[in-house]
Amino acid sequence: MKLDINICNNIKSIRTRLGMSQQDLANIAGVTRQTISGVESGQYAPSVAITLRLAKALGCQVENLFWLEDDLPEIEAVLAKPVPTGQQLRVSLAKVGGQWIAYPLVGKEAFRMEMIPADGKAESQTHTNKVQVRLLDDLDKLQNTVVIAGCTPVISFLARATERWHPQLRVHYHFANSMAALRSLNRGEVHIAGMHLYDPQTGEHNIPFAREALDGRSAVLITLGIWEEGLVVAPGNPMEIKSLSDLVELEAKIINREPGSGSRMLLERKLKEEKVSANAIKGYEHIVHSHQDVALSIAAGIADAGVSTASVAAAFGLGFIPLHQARYDLVILKEYLEESPVQQFLSILGHRLVQSQLEVLGGYDISDIGEVVANYLELNNQLSIYYEQRGYSH
C-alpha cells in the first residue's frame, strides 16, 4: 500500500541489532525483501497482516515498531549554538536550570567514536534561537541528563563510569576549551564546566577566570586533579627538544591550540618567560581544537611538538617534556548543585574504582579529587553537608 500518512518505524535498527539482513527478516515474516526495503525506507505502509508478521518476527509489540509522526510529543528548546536556518536538525537534549537546551548534532558534534543517536529533530528558524523539537526518546529519560563542557579526555571516562553506576542517568559531554566551557556555563547551556587556567599575577588556578566569566553568579569549584602540562614530542624525542627556545634553534614545527584554551595560555606564558617571539615559532598559527588532535598531529608527523598533558602523551606513546602542573577544576552553578543528575555525577568522584582508573591513567595527581577549592560565594557549608551525607571525604 502506497504511503499517504507519516508512519515512522524502527525496523532497520531492531533488525540490525538482531544481526538480521533484509532477506533474513523477509524469510521469517513470509514477505519479499523488496517489501522489507519499502517499509524500512517509508515508501510503503504495510497491511495489518504484514505488520503483525514483522512484529512477531522481530519479537516486539506493533506499537514499538510503528508509530505516527504526528503522535511524537514536542517541546520548545533553546539552541546551544547558531546553525543555518531552514534545515532539519538532529539534536540531543537536556534540561538545564529548568530550561530545555538543544545541542545540534552537526559535524564533529555528531560523533564520539560512533554516530550519536538523536533525542529529537527540529528545524532552525530565522531570527530566533528557539526551536520546536519533536522528541524521539522518552521524556523522563531525557530529563535525567547532566551536561558537562570541558577539554580533558577524562570527562568521557567519567561519563561512562557514571552511567555504569547510575544506569538511569545520561551524561552529555561537549569538548570545549576552558574559556568556552565557562561561557557555556554562564549562558545556561551546561551544568558543569571543566577548566585548567593559571593566573601568573595571583598564582591561582581557575578562580580568577571563573569569577570574571560568571559575572558574580554563585558557583563552586571542585578539584578533579592536578595534571602535568608540557610539550608533547615524537617517541624518544629524536630532535632532543628540552625547552621552547630549542623549537626555534632546531626549526621544529609546532601544532597550536585555539585562544581561550589552557594549553594556548601556557605556551604564550612560557614563550614570554623565555623571551621567545611567537613569530619565531614555525607552525604557531596552525591550530587544532583538542588535546587528542595535538597528539594525533605529532604521531602523524604533521608537527614536531605541541602543548598537551602527560596522560595524553602516554596514551599515544609519545614523548613528553613537563612545563607546568595545572589544577583541573569542575565549576558548578549554585542553582544546579542539588539537581539529581549533578549529584549523581559528583558521587562517583569518591568511588574507589574511579580513582583507581585515574591513577593507572598516569599524569594525574588525584589526592585532592572532590575537594572544594573555591566557594567564593558562600557554598562551602552546602557542599560539605552534601559530601558528609554521602560518606565522601572532601
Protein backbone atom coordinates (compact mmCIF):
# COMPACT_ATOMS: atom_id res chain seq x y z
CA MET A 1 0.00 0.00 0.00
CA LYS A 2 1.38 3.37 -1.02
CA LEU A 3 2.26 5.54 1.98
CA ASP A 4 -0.09 8.53 2.35
CA ILE A 5 0.42 9.34 6.04
CA ASN A 6 3.54 9.91 8.12
CA ILE A 7 4.16 6.49 9.62
CA CYS A 8 7.53 6.06 11.33
CA ASN A 9 9.25 2.77 12.05
CA ASN A 10 12.46 1.45 13.56
CA ILE A 11 12.52 -1.88 11.75
CA LYS A 12 16.05 -1.38 10.43
CA SER A 13 17.57 -0.56 13.83
CA ILE A 14 15.92 -3.57 15.51
CA ARG A 15 16.77 -5.86 12.59
CA THR A 16 20.40 -4.70 12.61
CA ARG A 17 20.69 -5.13 16.38
CA LEU A 18 19.47 -8.73 15.96
CA GLY A 19 22.04 -9.35 13.22
CA MET A 20 19.41 -9.93 10.55
CA SER A 21 19.61 -8.91 6.90
CA GLN A 22 16.56 -7.71 4.98
CA GLN A 23 16.37 -11.13 3.34
CA ASP A 24 16.53 -12.89 6.71
CA LEU A 25 13.61 -10.85 8.01
CA ALA A 26 11.68 -11.34 4.78
CA ASN A 27 12.09 -15.12 5.04
CA ILE A 28 10.87 -15.22 8.65
CA ALA A 29 7.93 -12.86 8.03
CA GLY A 30 6.95 -14.57 4.77
CA VAL A 31 7.26 -11.48 2.57
CA THR A 32 9.67 -10.34 -0.15
CA ARG A 33 12.91 -8.48 0.51
CA GLN A 34 11.52 -5.61 -1.59
CA THR A 35 8.63 -5.31 0.87
CA ILE A 36 11.06 -5.01 3.78
CA SER A 37 13.08 -2.39 1.89
CA GLY A 38 9.99 -0.36 1.03
CA VAL A 39 8.63 -0.39 4.57
CA GLU A 40 12.00 0.48 6.15
CA SER A 41 12.52 3.42 3.80
CA GLY A 42 8.99 4.73 4.46
CA GLN A 43 7.83 4.29 0.85
CA TYR A 44 5.04 1.89 1.77
CA ALA A 45 2.70 1.37 4.72
CA PRO A 46 2.33 -2.37 5.41
CA SER A 47 -1.04 -4.08 5.75
CA VAL A 48 -2.26 -5.22 9.16
CA ALA A 49 -1.23 -8.80 8.36
CA ILE A 50 2.32 -7.82 7.36
CA THR A 51 2.60 -5.52 10.39
CA LEU A 52 1.75 -8.39 12.73
CA ARG A 53 4.17 -10.73 10.94
CA LEU A 54 7.01 -8.20 11.23
CA ALA A 55 6.36 -7.60 14.91
CA LYS A 56 6.34 -11.35 15.59
CA ALA A 57 9.50 -11.91 13.55
CA LEU A 58 11.33 -9.16 15.46
CA GLY A 59 9.95 -10.18 18.84
CA CYS A 60 8.32 -6.86 19.72
CA GLN A 61 4.94 -5.17 20.01
CA VAL A 62 3.42 -3.47 16.97
CA GLU A 63 3.31 -0.11 18.77
CA ASN A 64 7.06 -0.36 19.45
CA LEU A 65 7.68 -0.97 15.75
CA PHE A 66 5.40 1.61 14.13
CA TRP A 67 4.05 5.00 15.19
CA LEU A 68 2.51 8.09 13.63
CA GLU A 69 4.90 11.00 13.33
CA ASP A 70 2.17 13.37 14.50
CA ASP A 71 1.97 11.43 17.77
CA LEU A 72 5.52 12.39 18.75
CA PRO A 73 5.45 14.97 21.56
CA GLU A 74 7.07 18.36 21.04
CA ILE A 75 8.89 20.70 23.42
CA GLU A 76 10.40 24.15 23.00
CA ALA A 77 14.17 24.32 23.44
CA VAL A 78 16.96 26.86 23.11
CA LEU A 79 19.71 26.08 20.61
CA ALA A 80 23.15 25.91 22.22
CA LYS A 81 24.82 27.25 19.07
CA PRO A 82 23.69 29.01 15.88
CA VAL A 83 23.03 26.88 12.80
CA PRO A 84 21.99 27.66 9.20
CA THR A 85 18.29 28.42 9.01
CA GLY A 86 15.71 26.23 7.33
CA GLN A 87 17.48 22.91 7.77
CA GLN A 88 16.27 19.88 9.70
CA LEU A 89 18.44 19.22 12.72
CA ARG A 90 19.30 16.16 14.74
CA VAL A 91 19.68 17.33 18.34
CA SER A 92 20.49 15.98 21.77
CA LEU A 93 18.53 17.45 24.67
CA ALA A 94 18.99 18.23 28.34
CA LYS A 95 17.15 20.29 30.91
CA VAL A 96 19.47 22.86 32.45
CA GLY A 97 18.12 25.18 35.12
CA GLY A 98 14.51 24.47 34.22
CA GLN A 99 15.02 25.17 30.52
CA TRP A 100 15.40 22.70 27.65
CA ILE A 101 18.65 23.09 25.70
CA ALA A 102 19.05 21.60 22.20
CA TYR A 103 22.59 20.69 21.12
CA PRO A 104 22.83 20.36 17.32
CA LEU A 105 24.41 17.06 16.25
CA VAL A 106 26.37 18.59 13.37
CA GLY A 107 29.90 17.80 12.15
CA LYS A 108 32.22 16.52 14.89
CA GLU A 109 29.49 17.06 17.46
CA ALA A 110 27.53 14.22 15.80
CA PHE A 111 30.19 11.64 16.68
CA ARG A 112 32.26 10.24 19.50
CA MET A 113 33.69 7.02 18.09
CA GLU A 114 30.31 6.23 16.58
CA MET A 115 27.42 8.40 15.48
CA ILE A 116 25.39 9.72 18.41
CA PRO A 117 21.67 8.85 18.40
CA ALA A 118 19.40 11.89 18.33
CA ASP A 119 16.96 12.72 21.12
CA GLY A 120 14.78 14.72 18.75
CA LYS A 121 14.56 16.58 15.49
CA ALA A 122 13.96 20.27 14.88
CA GLU A 123 14.03 22.86 12.13
CA SER A 124 16.01 26.03 12.70
CA GLN A 125 14.22 29.34 12.22
CA THR A 126 15.42 32.78 11.18
CA HIS A 127 15.99 35.46 13.85
CA THR A 128 15.49 33.18 16.86
CA ASN A 129 17.49 30.66 18.83
CA LYS A 130 14.38 28.76 19.93
CA VAL A 131 13.15 25.65 18.16
CA GLN A 132 10.29 23.19 18.41
CA VAL A 133 11.79 19.76 18.93
CA ARG A 134 9.87 16.60 18.09
CA LEU A 135 11.03 14.03 20.61
CA LEU A 136 12.49 10.70 19.53
CA ASP A 137 13.01 9.34 23.03
CA ASP A 138 11.21 9.12 26.37
CA LEU A 139 10.81 12.47 28.12
CA ASP A 140 11.58 11.10 31.60
CA LYS A 141 14.85 9.66 30.32
CA LEU A 142 15.85 12.97 28.76
CA GLN A 143 15.19 14.86 31.99
CA ASN A 144 17.71 12.75 33.90
CA THR A 145 20.70 14.16 31.99
CA VAL A 146 23.77 16.02 33.23
CA VAL A 147 25.73 18.12 30.72
CA ILE A 148 29.45 18.85 31.02
CA ALA A 149 31.72 21.00 28.87
CA GLY A 150 35.50 20.67 29.13
CA CYS A 151 38.65 19.61 27.37
CA THR A 152 40.06 16.76 29.45
CA PRO A 153 39.62 13.35 27.79
CA VAL A 154 38.91 12.04 31.30
CA ILE A 155 35.38 13.50 31.00
CA SER A 156 34.41 10.74 28.59
CA PHE A 157 35.71 8.13 31.04
CA LEU A 158 33.80 9.75 33.93
CA ALA A 159 30.68 9.79 31.76
CA ARG A 160 30.87 6.03 31.16
CA ALA A 161 31.61 5.33 34.83
CA THR A 162 28.68 7.46 35.98
CA GLU A 163 26.26 5.76 33.59
CA ARG A 164 27.53 2.37 34.77
CA TRP A 165 26.75 3.06 38.45
CA HIS A 166 23.65 5.15 37.72
CA PRO A 167 22.01 3.33 34.77
CA GLN A 168 19.10 5.78 34.57
CA LEU A 169 21.44 8.78 34.24
CA ARG A 170 22.71 10.14 30.94
CA VAL A 171 25.92 12.17 30.74
CA HIS A 172 26.33 14.51 27.78
CA TYR A 173 29.84 15.87 27.40
CA HIS A 174 30.95 18.53 24.96
CA PHE A 175 34.64 19.07 24.32
CA ALA A 176 35.40 22.78 24.74
CA ASN A 177 38.41 24.77 25.91
CA SER A 178 38.33 26.25 29.40
CA MET A 179 37.03 29.71 28.49
CA ALA A 180 34.45 28.33 26.06
CA ALA A 181 33.22 25.93 28.76
CA LEU A 182 32.85 28.77 31.27
CA ARG A 183 30.92 30.88 28.79
CA SER A 184 28.64 27.94 28.04
CA LEU A 185 28.02 27.52 31.79
CA ASN A 186 27.21 31.22 32.16
CA ARG A 187 24.74 31.05 29.25
CA GLY A 188 22.89 28.20 30.97
CA GLU A 189 23.81 25.58 28.36
CA VAL A 190 25.61 23.11 30.66
CA HIS A 191 25.52 22.07 34.31
CA ILE A 192 29.29 21.77 34.75
CA ALA A 193 32.32 23.43 33.13
CA GLY A 194 35.81 21.95 33.32
CA MET A 195 38.83 24.26 33.28
CA HIS A 196 42.60 24.43 33.79
CA LEU A 197 43.71 28.07 33.60
CA TYR A 198 46.58 29.66 35.56
CA ASP A 199 46.82 33.33 36.51
CA PRO A 200 50.50 34.26 36.97
CA GLN A 201 49.61 37.56 38.67
CA THR A 202 47.79 35.91 41.57
CA GLY A 203 49.40 32.48 41.37
CA GLU A 204 45.90 30.96 41.40
CA HIS A 205 44.36 28.35 39.16
CA ASN A 206 40.90 28.89 37.67
CA ILE A 207 39.33 31.06 40.40
CA PRO A 208 40.05 34.50 38.85
CA PHE A 209 38.82 33.35 35.45
CA ALA A 210 35.64 31.77 36.85
CA ARG A 211 34.87 34.86 38.92
CA GLU A 212 35.17 37.12 35.88
CA ALA A 213 33.40 34.87 33.37
CA LEU A 214 30.43 34.13 35.64
CA ASP A 215 29.96 37.81 36.49
CA GLY A 216 29.27 37.27 40.20
CA ARG A 217 26.93 34.29 39.87
CA SER A 218 27.05 31.82 42.76
CA ALA A 219 29.26 28.86 41.92
CA VAL A 220 31.58 26.29 43.43
CA LEU A 221 34.85 24.83 42.13
CA ILE A 222 35.64 21.17 42.81
CA THR A 223 39.03 19.66 42.01
CA LEU A 224 39.25 16.78 39.58
CA GLY A 225 43.02 16.51 39.85
CA ILE A 226 46.43 18.03 39.17
CA TRP A 227 47.76 17.18 35.75
CA GLU A 228 51.15 17.70 34.12
CA GLU A 229 51.20 20.01 31.11
CA GLY A 230 54.08 20.32 28.73
CA LEU A 231 55.45 19.72 25.25
CA VAL A 232 54.39 16.53 23.54
CA VAL A 233 57.04 15.33 21.07
CA ALA A 234 57.73 12.30 18.88
CA PRO A 235 58.57 8.99 20.62
CA GLY A 236 62.03 9.11 22.11
CA ASN A 237 62.28 12.87 21.44
CA PRO A 238 64.53 12.41 18.36
CA MET A 239 65.08 16.18 17.99
CA GLU A 240 66.24 16.36 21.64
CA ILE A 241 63.92 19.25 22.42
CA LYS A 242 64.34 20.45 26.01
CA SER A 243 62.75 23.90 26.02
CA LEU A 244 60.74 26.31 23.90
CA SER A 245 63.96 28.03 22.86
CA ASP A 246 65.03 24.74 21.27
CA LEU A 247 61.98 24.90 18.98
CA VAL A 248 63.48 27.98 17.31
CA GLU A 249 67.06 26.69 17.17
CA LEU A 250 66.02 23.31 15.79
CA GLU A 251 63.40 24.84 13.44
CA ALA A 252 60.85 22.49 14.92
CA LYS A 253 57.24 22.85 13.79
CA ILE A 254 54.56 23.05 16.45
CA ILE A 255 50.84 22.47 16.49
CA ASN A 256 48.96 25.11 18.50
CA ARG A 257 45.62 25.35 20.31
CA GLU A 258 42.93 27.98 19.92
CA PRO A 259 42.76 31.20 22.02
CA GLY A 260 40.95 30.61 25.31
CA SER A 261 42.46 27.18 25.86
CA GLY A 262 44.72 26.47 28.83
CA SER A 263 47.34 24.96 26.51
CA ARG A 264 47.50 28.16 24.42
CA MET A 265 47.82 30.32 27.56
CA LEU A 266 50.61 28.10 28.90
CA LEU A 267 52.51 28.31 25.62
CA GLU A 268 52.16 32.11 25.49
CA ARG A 269 53.29 32.46 29.12
CA LYS A 270 56.34 30.22 28.69
CA LEU A 271 57.35 31.98 25.47
CA LYS A 272 57.25 35.28 27.33
CA GLU A 273 59.32 33.86 30.21
CA GLU A 274 61.96 32.56 27.81
CA LYS A 275 61.80 35.78 25.76
CA VAL A 276 60.94 33.87 22.59
CA SER A 277 58.83 35.58 19.95
CA ALA A 278 55.76 33.70 18.77
CA ASN A 279 56.65 34.75 15.21
CA ALA A 280 59.88 32.77 15.51
CA ILE A 281 58.00 29.51 16.10
CA LYS A 282 57.16 27.54 12.97
CA GLY A 283 53.52 26.43 12.85
CA TYR A 284 52.34 28.83 15.57
CA GLU A 285 49.23 29.71 13.54
CA HIS A 286 48.39 26.06 12.82
CA ILE A 287 45.52 25.42 15.24
CA VAL A 288 43.63 22.34 16.39
CA HIS A 289 40.87 22.19 18.98
CA SER A 290 41.58 19.32 21.36
CA HIS A 291 44.35 17.55 23.26
CA GLN A 292 43.77 14.46 21.14
CA ASP A 293 44.24 16.43 17.92
CA VAL A 294 47.57 17.76 19.20
CA ALA A 295 48.77 14.22 19.88
CA LEU A 296 47.44 12.92 16.56
CA SER A 297 49.26 15.68 14.65
CA ILE A 298 52.56 14.73 16.28
CA ALA A 299 52.01 10.99 15.89
CA ALA A 300 51.28 11.54 12.18
CA GLY A 301 54.41 13.65 11.69
CA ILE A 302 52.43 16.81 10.86
CA ALA A 303 54.14 18.62 13.73
CA ASP A 304 57.21 18.10 15.90
CA ALA A 305 55.75 19.39 19.16
CA GLY A 306 52.64 20.79 20.82
CA VAL A 307 51.35 21.59 24.28
CA SER A 308 49.17 18.96 25.94
CA THR A 309 49.30 16.70 29.00
CA ALA A 310 51.42 13.81 30.18
CA SER A 311 48.45 11.44 30.21
CA VAL A 312 47.59 12.23 26.58
CA ALA A 313 51.24 11.79 25.54
CA ALA A 314 51.37 8.41 27.30
CA ALA A 315 48.12 7.27 25.69
CA PHE A 316 49.61 7.90 22.23
CA GLY A 317 53.08 6.56 23.07
CA LEU A 318 54.69 9.97 22.58
CA GLY A 319 57.48 11.80 24.39
CA PHE A 320 56.76 14.48 26.96
CA ILE A 321 58.64 17.49 28.36
CA PRO A 322 56.95 18.89 31.51
CA LEU A 323 56.39 22.64 31.76
CA HIS A 324 53.70 23.17 34.43
CA GLN A 325 51.42 21.39 36.88
CA ALA A 326 47.84 22.64 36.47
CA ARG A 327 44.79 22.03 38.61
CA TYR A 328 41.74 20.85 36.69
CA ASP A 329 38.52 22.02 38.35
CA LEU A 330 34.84 21.42 37.76
CA VAL A 331 32.73 24.60 38.05
CA ILE A 332 29.06 24.24 39.03
CA LEU A 333 26.48 26.99 39.48
CA LYS A 334 24.67 27.05 42.82
CA GLU A 335 21.26 26.51 41.26
CA TYR A 336 22.42 23.23 39.72
CA LEU A 337 24.26 21.82 42.71
CA GLU A 338 21.32 19.97 44.25
CA GLU A 339 19.81 18.71 40.99
CA SER A 340 19.72 14.91 40.99
CA PRO A 341 21.74 14.37 37.77
CA VAL A 342 24.52 16.64 39.09
CA GLN A 343 24.53 14.91 42.47
CA GLN A 344 24.80 11.50 40.85
CA PHE A 345 27.75 12.64 38.74
CA LEU A 346 29.55 14.17 41.72
CA SER A 347 29.03 10.99 43.73
CA ILE A 348 31.36 8.98 41.52
CA LEU A 349 34.34 11.24 42.29
CA GLY A 350 34.61 9.46 45.63
CA HIS A 351 34.28 5.99 44.14
CA ARG A 352 37.35 3.82 44.68
CA LEU A 353 37.18 2.22 41.24
CA VAL A 354 37.05 5.63 39.52
CA GLN A 355 40.08 6.79 41.45
CA SER A 356 41.92 3.57 40.57
CA GLN A 357 41.23 4.15 36.88
CA LEU A 358 42.58 7.70 37.08
CA GLU A 359 45.67 6.54 38.92
CA VAL A 360 46.53 3.93 36.30
CA LEU A 361 45.98 6.51 33.56
CA GLY A 362 49.04 8.41 34.78
CA GLY A 363 49.85 12.11 34.61
CA TYR A 364 47.22 12.94 37.26
CA ASP A 365 47.58 13.60 40.97
CA ILE A 366 44.10 12.86 42.33
CA SER A 367 44.92 13.07 46.04
CA ASP A 368 42.53 16.05 46.32
CA ILE A 369 39.81 14.79 43.98
CA GLY A 370 36.41 16.09 45.05
CA GLU A 371 37.87 18.83 47.25
CA VAL A 372 36.06 22.17 47.27
CA VAL A 373 38.80 24.62 46.24
CA ALA A 374 36.64 27.72 45.85
CA ASN A 375 33.35 28.67 47.39
CA TYR A 376 33.79 32.38 46.97
CA LEU A 377 30.03 32.80 47.05
CA GLU A 378 29.12 31.03 50.28
CA LEU A 379 28.73 27.47 49.07
CA ASN A 380 31.19 25.63 51.32
CA ASN A 381 28.72 24.60 54.02
CA GLN A 382 26.18 23.39 51.47
CA LEU A 383 28.68 21.19 49.66
CA SER A 384 30.25 19.93 52.90
CA ILE A 385 26.83 18.71 54.03
CA TYR A 386 26.33 17.12 50.60
CA TYR A 387 29.57 15.14 50.87
CA GLU A 388 29.07 14.16 54.52
CA GLN A 389 25.61 12.79 53.76
CA ARG A 390 27.11 10.55 51.08
CA GLY A 391 30.17 9.43 53.04
CA TYR A 392 32.83 11.02 50.83
CA SER A 393 35.88 12.92 52.03
CA HIS A 394 36.44 16.43 50.72
